[in-house]
């Protein structure tokens, strides 16, 4: 369900005309800065933000990248899900 567009640096779910997404930048080859999560009103309450965050963080795990959770949703998601806490980049 969650797709990844590496050229646009985003994970997304498209349902009809609506698009929910997480955007990131690669600040360096080892670091992924996840800076925006967006779910349109029509798709809220379906758990899409969590699915997007999980997909992005699973990608970071597979690619051995540290994460800067600039987006408050991803920051909170990482805090609540202990499997991802070690991904957090130390500043």
PDB file of N, CA and C in Angstrom:
ATOM      1  N   UNK A   1       0.823  -1.198   0.000  1.00  0.00           N
ATOM      2  CA  UNK A   1       0.000   0.000   0.000  1.00  0.00           C
ATOM      3  C   UNK A   1       0.871   1.269   0.000  1.00  0.00           C
ATOM      4  N   UNK A   2       1.905   1.323   0.866  1.00  0.00           N
ATOM      5  CA  UNK A   2       2.808   2.476   0.881  1.00  0.00           C
ATOM      6  C   UNK A   2       3.821   2.311  -0.249  1.00  0.00           C
ATOM      7  N   UNK A   3       3.978   3.355  -1.048  1.00  0.00           N
ATOM      8  CA  UNK A   3       4.942   3.343  -2.138  1.00  0.00           C
ATOM      9  C   UNK A   3       6.078   4.306  -1.820  1.00  0.00           C
ATOM     10  N   UNK A   4       7.216   4.091  -2.467  1.00  0.00           N
ATOM     11  CA  UNK A   4       8.389   4.927  -2.238  1.00  0.00           C
ATOM     12  C   UNK A   4       8.849   5.496  -3.567  1.00  0.00           C
ATOM     13  N   UNK A   5       8.929   6.807  -3.649  1.00  0.00           N
ATOM     14  CA  UNK A   5       9.480   7.477  -4.827  1.00  0.00           C
ATOM     15  C   UNK A   5      10.824   8.071  -4.412  1.00  0.00           C
ATOM     16  N   UNK A   6      11.909   7.387  -4.746  1.00  0.00           N
ATOM     17  CA  UNK A   6      13.235   7.837  -4.322  1.00  0.00           C
ATOM     18  C   UNK A   6      13.651   9.128  -5.015  1.00  0.00           C
ATOM     19  N   UNK A   7      13.207   9.353  -6.231  1.00  0.00           N
ATOM     20  CA  UNK A   7      13.554  10.597  -6.932  1.00  0.00           C
ATOM     21  C   UNK A   7      12.944  11.813  -6.227  1.00  0.00           C
ATOM     22  N   UNK A   8      11.705  11.668  -5.769  1.00  0.00           N
ATOM     23  CA  UNK A   8      11.017  12.756  -5.062  1.00  0.00           C
ATOM     24  C   UNK A   8      11.292  12.736  -3.568  1.00  0.00           C
ATOM     25  N   UNK A   9      11.989  11.701  -3.096  1.00  0.00           N
ATOM     26  CA  UNK A   9      12.304  11.508  -1.673  1.00  0.00           C
ATOM     27  C   UNK A   9      11.029  11.563  -0.830  1.00  0.00           C
ATOM     28  N   UNK A  10      10.127  10.655  -1.146  1.00  0.00           N
ATOM     29  CA  UNK A  10       8.883  10.585  -0.386  1.00  0.00           C
ATOM     30  C   UNK A  10       8.302   9.185  -0.385  1.00  0.00           C
ATOM     31  N   UNK A  11       7.622   8.883   0.704  1.00  0.00           N
ATOM     32  CA  UNK A  11       6.796   7.684   0.822  1.00  0.00           C
ATOM     33  C   UNK A  11       5.366   8.184   0.739  1.00  0.00           C
ATOM     34  N   UNK A  12       4.498   7.436   0.040  1.00  0.00           N
ATOM     35  CA  UNK A  12       3.140   7.952  -0.134  1.00  0.00           C
ATOM     36  C   UNK A  12       2.116   6.834  -0.272  1.00  0.00           C
ATOM     37  N   UNK A  13       0.883   7.229  -0.023  1.00  0.00           N
ATOM     38  CA  UNK A  13      -0.285   6.378  -0.252  1.00  0.00           C
ATOM     39  C   UNK A  13      -1.259   7.240  -1.041  1.00  0.00           C
ATOM     40  N   UNK A  14      -1.690   6.730  -2.192  1.00  0.00           N
ATOM     41  CA  UNK A  14      -2.675   7.458  -3.004  1.00  0.00           C
ATOM     42  C   UNK A  14      -3.974   6.672  -2.986  1.00  0.00           C
ATOM     43  N   UNK A  15      -5.036   7.340  -2.571  1.00  0.00           N
ATOM     44  CA  UNK A  15      -6.366   6.738  -2.561  1.00  0.00           C
ATOM     45  C   UNK A  15      -7.278   7.686  -3.325  1.00  0.00           C
ATOM     46  N   UNK A  16      -7.783   7.201  -4.452  1.00  0.00           N
ATOM     47  CA  UNK A  16      -8.552   8.037  -5.382  1.00  0.00           C
ATOM     48  C   UNK A  16      -7.685   9.239  -5.773  1.00  0.00           C
ATOM     49  N   UNK A  17      -8.167  10.459  -5.480  1.00  0.00           N
ATOM     50  CA  UNK A  17      -7.387  11.648  -5.837  1.00  0.00           C
ATOM     51  C   UNK A  17      -6.560  12.171  -4.668  1.00  0.00           C
ATOM     52  N   UNK A  18      -6.673  11.538  -3.507  1.00  0.00           N
ATOM     53  CA  UNK A  18      -6.000  12.032  -2.304  1.00  0.00           C
ATOM     54  C   UNK A  18      -4.635  11.389  -2.116  1.00  0.00           C
ATOM     55  N   UNK A  19      -3.696  12.185  -1.622  1.00  0.00           N
ATOM     56  CA  UNK A  19      -2.325  11.728  -1.430  1.00  0.00           C
ATOM     57  C   UNK A  19      -1.871  12.028  -0.008  1.00  0.00           C
ATOM     58  N   UNK A  20      -1.483  10.982   0.707  1.00  0.00           N
ATOM     59  CA  UNK A  20      -0.862  11.119   2.029  1.00  0.00           C
ATOM     60  C   UNK A  20       0.617  10.817   1.829  1.00  0.00           C
ATOM     61  N   UNK A  21       1.497  11.568   2.521  1.00  0.00           N
ATOM     62  CA  UNK A  21       2.919  11.362   2.265  1.00  0.00           C
ATOM     63  C   UNK A  21       3.805  11.740   3.442  1.00  0.00           C
ATOM     64  N   UNK A  22       5.018  11.227   3.377  1.00  0.00           N
ATOM     65  CA  UNK A  22       6.129  11.637   4.240  1.00  0.00           C
ATOM     66  C   UNK A  22       7.253  12.028   3.304  1.00  0.00           C
ATOM     67  N   UNK A  23       7.852  13.189   3.568  1.00  0.00           N
ATOM     68  CA  UNK A  23       8.982  13.658   2.755  1.00  0.00           C
ATOM     69  C   UNK A  23      10.250  13.658   3.587  1.00  0.00           C
ATOM     70  N   UNK A  24      11.361  13.414   2.901  1.00  0.00           N
ATOM     71  CA  UNK A  24      12.650  13.390   3.581  1.00  0.00           C
ATOM     72  C   UNK A  24      13.740  13.959   2.679  1.00  0.00           C
ATOM     73  N   UNK A  25      14.842  14.315   3.295  1.00  0.00           N
ATOM     74  CA  UNK A  25      16.057  14.698   2.586  1.00  0.00           C
ATOM     75  C   UNK A  25      17.174  13.796   3.063  1.00  0.00           C
ATOM     76  N   UNK A  26      18.155  13.625   2.237  1.00  0.00           N
ATOM     77  CA  UNK A  26      19.367  12.915   2.644  1.00  0.00           C
ATOM     78  C   UNK A  26      20.426  13.986   2.877  1.00  0.00           C
ATOM     79  N   UNK A  27      20.591  14.366   4.142  1.00  0.00           N
ATOM     80  CA  UNK A  27      21.523  15.451   4.452  1.00  0.00           C
ATOM     81  C   UNK A  27      22.967  15.033   4.217  1.00  0.00           C
ATOM     82  N   UNK A  28      23.226  13.736   4.290  1.00  0.00           N
ATOM     83  CA  UNK A  28      24.495  13.144   3.888  1.00  0.00           C
ATOM     84  C   UNK A  28      24.203  11.670   3.601  1.00  0.00           C
ATOM     85  N   UNK A  29      25.165  10.907   3.071  1.00  0.00           N
ATOM     86  CA  UNK A  29      24.863   9.525   2.682  1.00  0.00           C
ATOM     87  C   UNK A  29      24.377   8.623   3.831  1.00  0.00           C
ATOM     88  N   UNK A  30      24.687   8.992   5.066  1.00  0.00           N
ATOM     89  CA  UNK A  30      24.292   8.158   6.210  1.00  0.00           C
ATOM     90  C   UNK A  30      23.107   8.708   6.988  1.00  0.00           C
ATOM     91  N   UNK A  31      22.558   9.848   6.573  1.00  0.00           N
ATOM     92  CA  UNK A  31      21.530  10.510   7.385  1.00  0.00           C
ATOM     93  C   UNK A  31      20.293  10.863   6.571  1.00  0.00           C
ATOM     94  N   UNK A  32      19.163  10.518   7.130  1.00  0.00           N
ATOM     95  CA  UNK A  32      17.860  10.780   6.516  1.00  0.00           C
ATOM     96  C   UNK A  32      17.107  11.765   7.413  1.00  0.00           C
ATOM     97  N   UNK A  33      16.800  12.934   6.900  1.00  0.00           N
ATOM     98  CA  UNK A  33      16.036  13.946   7.641  1.00  0.00           C
ATOM     99  C   UNK A  33      14.580  13.857   7.194  1.00  0.00           C
ATOM    100  N   UNK A  34      13.736  13.316   8.061  1.00  0.00           N
ATOM    101  CA  UNK A  34      12.305  13.206   7.746  1.00  0.00           C
ATOM    102  C   UNK A  34      11.642  14.472   8.261  1.00  0.00           C
ATOM    103  N   UNK A  35      11.180  15.311   7.331  1.00  0.00           N
ATOM    104  CA  UNK A  35      10.766  16.651   7.719  1.00  0.00           C
ATOM    105  C   UNK A  35       9.275  16.959   7.561  1.00  0.00           C
ATOM    106  N   UNK A  36       8.509  16.098   6.910  1.00  0.00           N
ATOM    107  CA  UNK A  36       7.088  16.437   6.748  1.00  0.00           C
ATOM    108  C   UNK A  36       6.235  15.192   6.614  1.00  0.00           C
ATOM    109  N   UNK A  37       5.138  15.182   7.362  1.00  0.00           N
ATOM    110  CA  UNK A  37       4.099  14.161   7.226  1.00  0.00           C
ATOM    111  C   UNK A  37       2.800  14.891   6.917  1.00  0.00           C
ATOM    112  N   UNK A  38       2.086  14.421   5.908  1.00  0.00           N
ATOM    113  CA  UNK A  38       0.808  15.045   5.558  1.00  0.00           C
ATOM    114  C   UNK A  38      -0.212  13.970   5.209  1.00  0.00           C
ATOM    115  N   UNK A  39      -1.375  14.083   5.839  1.00  0.00           N
ATOM    116  CA  UNK A  39      -2.508  13.216   5.511  1.00  0.00           C
ATOM    117  C   UNK A  39      -3.711  14.136   5.301  1.00  0.00           C
ATOM    118  N   UNK A  40      -4.325  14.109   4.105  1.00  0.00           N
ATOM    119  CA  UNK A  40      -5.489  14.961   3.865  1.00  0.00           C
ATOM    120  C   UNK A  40      -6.641  14.596   4.809  1.00  0.00           C
ATOM    121  N   UNK A  41      -7.465  15.574   5.101  1.00  0.00           N
ATOM    122  CA  UNK A  41      -8.580  15.370   6.037  1.00  0.00           C
ATOM    123  C   UNK A  41      -9.420  14.154   5.695  1.00  0.00           C
ATOM    124  N   UNK A  42      -9.657  13.944   4.409  1.00  0.00           N
ATOM    125  CA  UNK A  42     -10.519  12.837   3.979  1.00  0.00           C
ATOM    126  C   UNK A  42      -9.932  11.467   4.315  1.00  0.00           C
ATOM    127  N   UNK A  43      -8.621  11.403   4.574  1.00  0.00           N
ATOM    128  CA  UNK A  43      -7.971  10.114   4.854  1.00  0.00           C
ATOM    129  C   UNK A  43      -7.537   9.970   6.309  1.00  0.00           C
ATOM    130  N   UNK A  44      -7.789  10.977   7.123  1.00  0.00           N
ATOM    131  CA  UNK A  44      -7.340  10.932   8.522  1.00  0.00           C
ATOM    132  C   UNK A  44      -8.126   9.903   9.322  1.00  0.00           C
ATOM    133  N   UNK A  45      -7.476   9.392  10.362  1.00  0.00           N
ATOM    134  CA  UNK A  45      -8.116   8.419  11.240  1.00  0.00           C
ATOM    135  C   UNK A  45      -8.045   6.990  10.730  1.00  0.00           C
ATOM    136  N   UNK A  46      -7.285   6.752   9.687  1.00  0.00           N
ATOM    137  CA  UNK A  46      -7.161   5.407   9.105  1.00  0.00           C
ATOM    138  C   UNK A  46      -5.791   4.780   9.383  1.00  0.00           C
ATOM    139  N   UNK A  47      -4.945   5.486  10.151  1.00  0.00           N
ATOM    140  CA  UNK A  47      -3.629   4.949  10.483  1.00  0.00           C
ATOM    141  C   UNK A  47      -2.581   5.142   9.397  1.00  0.00           C
ATOM    142  N   UNK A  48      -2.867   5.982   8.414  1.00  0.00           N
ATOM    143  CA  UNK A  48      -1.931   6.152   7.301  1.00  0.00           C
ATOM    144  C   UNK A  48      -0.628   6.814   7.732  1.00  0.00           C
ATOM    145  N   UNK A  49      -0.688   7.789   8.627  1.00  0.00           N
ATOM    146  CA  UNK A  49       0.544   8.458   9.073  1.00  0.00           C
ATOM    147  C   UNK A  49       1.487   7.442   9.710  1.00  0.00           C
ATOM    148  N   UNK A  50       0.954   6.546  10.513  1.00  0.00           N
ATOM    149  CA  UNK A  50       1.766   5.510  11.141  1.00  0.00           C
ATOM    150  C   UNK A  50       2.363   4.557  10.120  1.00  0.00           C
ATOM    151  N   UNK A  51       1.575   4.191   9.112  1.00  0.00           N
ATOM    152  CA  UNK A  51       2.083   3.305   8.058  1.00  0.00           C
ATOM    153  C   UNK A  51       3.205   3.974   7.277  1.00  0.00           C
ATOM    154  N   UNK A  52       3.035   5.263   7.004  1.00  0.00           N
ATOM    155  CA  UNK A  52       4.066   6.009   6.279  1.00  0.00           C
ATOM    156  C   UNK A  52       5.338   6.123   7.114  1.00  0.00           C
ATOM    157  N   UNK A  53       5.186   6.446   8.398  1.00  0.00           N
ATOM    158  CA  UNK A  53       6.351   6.562   9.280  1.00  0.00           C
ATOM    159  C   UNK A  53       7.079   5.225   9.372  1.00  0.00           C
ATOM    160  N   UNK A  54       6.327   4.158   9.520  1.00  0.00           N
ATOM    161  CA  UNK A  54       6.939   2.834   9.615  1.00  0.00           C
ATOM    162  C   UNK A  54       7.699   2.489   8.332  1.00  0.00           C
ATOM    163  N   UNK A  55       7.116   2.785   7.199  1.00  0.00           N
ATOM    164  CA  UNK A  55       7.778   2.496   5.920  1.00  0.00           C
ATOM    165  C   UNK A  55       9.078   3.294   5.787  1.00  0.00           C
ATOM    166  N   UNK A  56       9.040   4.571   6.158  1.00  0.00           N
ATOM    167  CA  UNK A  56      10.238   5.415   6.063  1.00  0.00           C
ATOM    168  C   UNK A  56      11.320   4.929   7.022  1.00  0.00           C
ATOM    169  N   UNK A  57      10.933   4.583   8.242  1.00  0.00           N
ATOM    170  CA  UNK A  57      11.912   4.134   9.229  1.00  0.00           C
ATOM    171  C   UNK A  57      12.444   2.744   8.903  1.00  0.00           C
ATOM    172  N   UNK A  58      11.605   1.884   8.355  1.00  0.00           N
ATOM    173  CA  UNK A  58      12.083   0.571   7.909  1.00  0.00           C
ATOM    174  C   UNK A  58      13.112   0.724   6.779  1.00  0.00           C
ATOM    175  N   UNK A  59      12.865   1.677   5.898  1.00  0.00           N
ATOM    176  CA  UNK A  59      13.821   1.978   4.831  1.00  0.00           C
ATOM    177  C   UNK A  59      15.158   2.426   5.444  1.00  0.00           C
ATOM    178  N   UNK A  60      15.093   3.311   6.429  1.00  0.00           N
ATOM    179  CA  UNK A  60      16.313   3.783   7.100  1.00  0.00           C
ATOM    180  C   UNK A  60      17.064   2.611   7.735  1.00  0.00           C
ATOM    181  N   UNK A  61      16.323   1.698   8.348  1.00  0.00           N
ATOM    182  CA  UNK A  61      16.951   0.507   8.947  1.00  0.00           C
ATOM    183  C   UNK A  61      17.660  -0.326   7.886  1.00  0.00           C
ATOM    184  N   UNK A  62      16.950  -0.627   6.795  1.00  0.00           N
ATOM    185  CA  UNK A  62      17.523  -1.449   5.718  1.00  0.00           C
ATOM    186  C   UNK A  62      18.758  -0.800   5.100  1.00  0.00           C
ATOM    187  N   UNK A  63      18.717   0.516   4.975  1.00  0.00           N
ATOM    188  CA  UNK A  63      19.806   1.247   4.317  1.00  0.00           C
ATOM    189  C   UNK A  63      20.887   1.689   5.296  1.00  0.00           C
ATOM    190  N   UNK A  64      20.729   1.303   6.569  1.00  0.00           N
ATOM    191  CA  UNK A  64      21.712   1.629   7.609  1.00  0.00           C
ATOM    192  C   UNK A  64      21.932   3.137   7.738  1.00  0.00           C
ATOM    193  N   UNK A  65      20.821   3.882   7.786  1.00  0.00           N
ATOM    194  CA  UNK A  65      20.877   5.341   7.913  1.00  0.00           C
ATOM    195  C   UNK A  65      20.400   5.768   9.296  1.00  0.00           C
ATOM    196  N   UNK A  66      20.960   6.846   9.790  1.00  0.00           N
ATOM    197  CA  UNK A  66      20.468   7.489  10.999  1.00  0.00           C
ATOM    198  C   UNK A  66      19.365   8.449  10.579  1.00  0.00           C
ATOM    199  N   UNK A  67      18.477   8.786  11.519  1.00  0.00           N
ATOM    200  CA  UNK A  67      17.317   9.619  11.196  1.00  0.00           C
ATOM    201  C   UNK A  67      17.307  10.879  12.055  1.00  0.00           C
ATOM    202  N   UNK A  68      17.074  11.994  11.392  1.00  0.00           N
ATOM    203  CA  UNK A  68      16.772  13.245  12.079  1.00  0.00           C
ATOM    204  C   UNK A  68      15.257  13.418  11.936  1.00  0.00           C
ATOM    205  N   UNK A  69      14.494  13.271  13.015  1.00  0.00           N
ATOM    206  CA  UNK A  69      13.040  13.389  12.918  1.00  0.00           C
ATOM    207  C   UNK A  69      12.590  14.853  13.055  1.00  0.00           C
ATOM    208  N   UNK A  70      12.805  15.652  12.018  1.00  0.00           N
ATOM    209  CA  UNK A  70      12.403  17.063  12.046  1.00  0.00           C
ATOM    210  C   UNK A  70      10.886  17.213  12.132  1.00  0.00           C
ATOM    211  N   UNK A  71      10.171  16.249  11.617  1.00  0.00           N
ATOM    212  CA  UNK A  71       8.707  16.238  11.688  1.00  0.00           C
ATOM    213  C   UNK A  71       8.288  15.768  13.085  1.00  0.00           C
ATOM    214  N   UNK A  72       7.415  16.521  13.735  1.00  0.00           N
ATOM    215  CA  UNK A  72       7.003  16.180  15.099  1.00  0.00           C
ATOM    216  C   UNK A  72       6.284  14.830  15.161  1.00  0.00           C
ATOM    217  N   UNK A  73       5.541  14.474  14.116  1.00  0.00           N
ATOM    218  CA  UNK A  73       4.856  13.180  14.129  1.00  0.00           C
ATOM    219  C   UNK A  73       5.877  12.042  14.144  1.00  0.00           C
ATOM    220  N   UNK A  74       6.884  12.124  13.302  1.00  0.00           N
ATOM    221  CA  UNK A  74       7.900  11.071  13.230  1.00  0.00           C
ATOM    222  C   UNK A  74       8.706  11.031  14.521  1.00  0.00           C
ATOM    223  N   UNK A  75       8.998  12.190  15.097  1.00  0.00           N
ATOM    224  CA  UNK A  75       9.707  12.246  16.373  1.00  0.00           C
ATOM    225  C   UNK A  75       8.921  11.488  17.441  1.00  0.00           C
ATOM    226  N   UNK A  76       7.631  11.747  17.522  1.00  0.00           N
ATOM    227  CA  UNK A  76       6.760  11.073  18.487  1.00  0.00           C
ATOM    228  C   UNK A  76       6.657   9.582  18.182  1.00  0.00           C
ATOM    229  N   UNK A  77       6.534   9.216  16.919  1.00  0.00           N
ATOM    230  CA  UNK A  77       6.439   7.822  16.499  1.00  0.00           C
ATOM    231  C   UNK A  77       7.694   7.051  16.913  1.00  0.00           C
ATOM    232  N   UNK A  78       8.854   7.668  16.731  1.00  0.00           N
ATOM    233  CA  UNK A  78      10.108   7.014  17.102  1.00  0.00           C
ATOM    234  C   UNK A  78      10.207   6.828  18.615  1.00  0.00           C
ATOM    235  N   UNK A  79       9.722   7.797  19.359  1.00  0.00           N
ATOM    236  CA  UNK A  79       9.756   7.711  20.824  1.00  0.00           C
ATOM    237  C   UNK A  79       8.862   6.579  21.311  1.00  0.00           C
ATOM    238  N   UNK A  80       7.690   6.434  20.700  1.00  0.00           N
ATOM    239  CA  UNK A  80       6.723   5.415  21.124  1.00  0.00           C
ATOM    240  C   UNK A  80       7.092   4.012  20.654  1.00  0.00           C
ATOM    241  N   UNK A  81       7.834   3.898  19.582  1.00  0.00           N
ATOM    242  CA  UNK A  81       8.181   2.592  19.001  1.00  0.00           C
ATOM    243  C   UNK A  81       9.664   2.322  19.222  1.00  0.00           C
ATOM    244  N   UNK A  82       9.948   1.572  20.256  1.00  0.00           N
ATOM    245  CA  UNK A  82      11.332   1.366  20.687  1.00  0.00           C
ATOM    246  C   UNK A  82      12.217   0.739  19.609  1.00  0.00           C
ATOM    247  N   UNK A  83      11.632   0.029  18.664  1.00  0.00           N
ATOM    248  CA  UNK A  83      12.430  -0.596  17.598  1.00  0.00           C
ATOM    249  C   UNK A  83      13.178   0.447  16.769  1.00  0.00           C
ATOM    250  N   UNK A  84      12.703   1.692  16.773  1.00  0.00           N
ATOM    251  CA  UNK A  84      13.308   2.729  15.939  1.00  0.00           C
ATOM    252  C   UNK A  84      14.157   3.728  16.712  1.00  0.00           C
ATOM    253  N   UNK A  85      14.204   3.612  18.025  1.00  0.00           N
ATOM    254  CA  UNK A  85      14.917   4.614  18.822  1.00  0.00           C
ATOM    255  C   UNK A  85      16.410   4.679  18.515  1.00  0.00           C
ATOM    256  N   UNK A  86      17.011   3.553  18.160  1.00  0.00           N
ATOM    257  CA  UNK A  86      18.441   3.543  17.856  1.00  0.00           C
ATOM    258  C   UNK A  86      18.763   4.220  16.529  1.00  0.00           C
ATOM    259  N   UNK A  87      17.746   4.515  15.720  1.00  0.00           N
ATOM    260  CA  UNK A  87      17.967   5.192  14.448  1.00  0.00           C
ATOM    261  C   UNK A  87      18.218   6.683  14.633  1.00  0.00           C
ATOM    262  N   UNK A  88      17.782   7.225  15.757  1.00  0.00           N
ATOM    263  CA  UNK A  88      17.848   8.665  15.984  1.00  0.00           C
ATOM    264  C   UNK A  88      19.305   9.142  15.960  1.00  0.00           C
ATOM    265  N   UNK A  89      19.554  10.166  15.144  1.00  0.00           N
ATOM    266  CA  UNK A  89      20.909  10.699  15.039  1.00  0.00           C
ATOM    267  C   UNK A  89      21.200  11.590  16.235  1.00  0.00           C
ATOM    268  N   UNK A  90      22.339  11.377  16.845  1.00  0.00           N
ATOM    269  CA  UNK A  90      22.772  12.216  17.964  1.00  0.00           C
ATOM    270  C   UNK A  90      23.259  13.542  17.424  1.00  0.00           C
ATOM    271  N   UNK A  91      22.932  14.590  18.137  1.00  0.00           N
ATOM    272  CA  UNK A  91      23.384  15.930  17.693  1.00  0.00           C
ATOM    273  C   UNK A  91      24.510  16.439  18.566  1.00  0.00           C
TER     274      UNK A  91
END
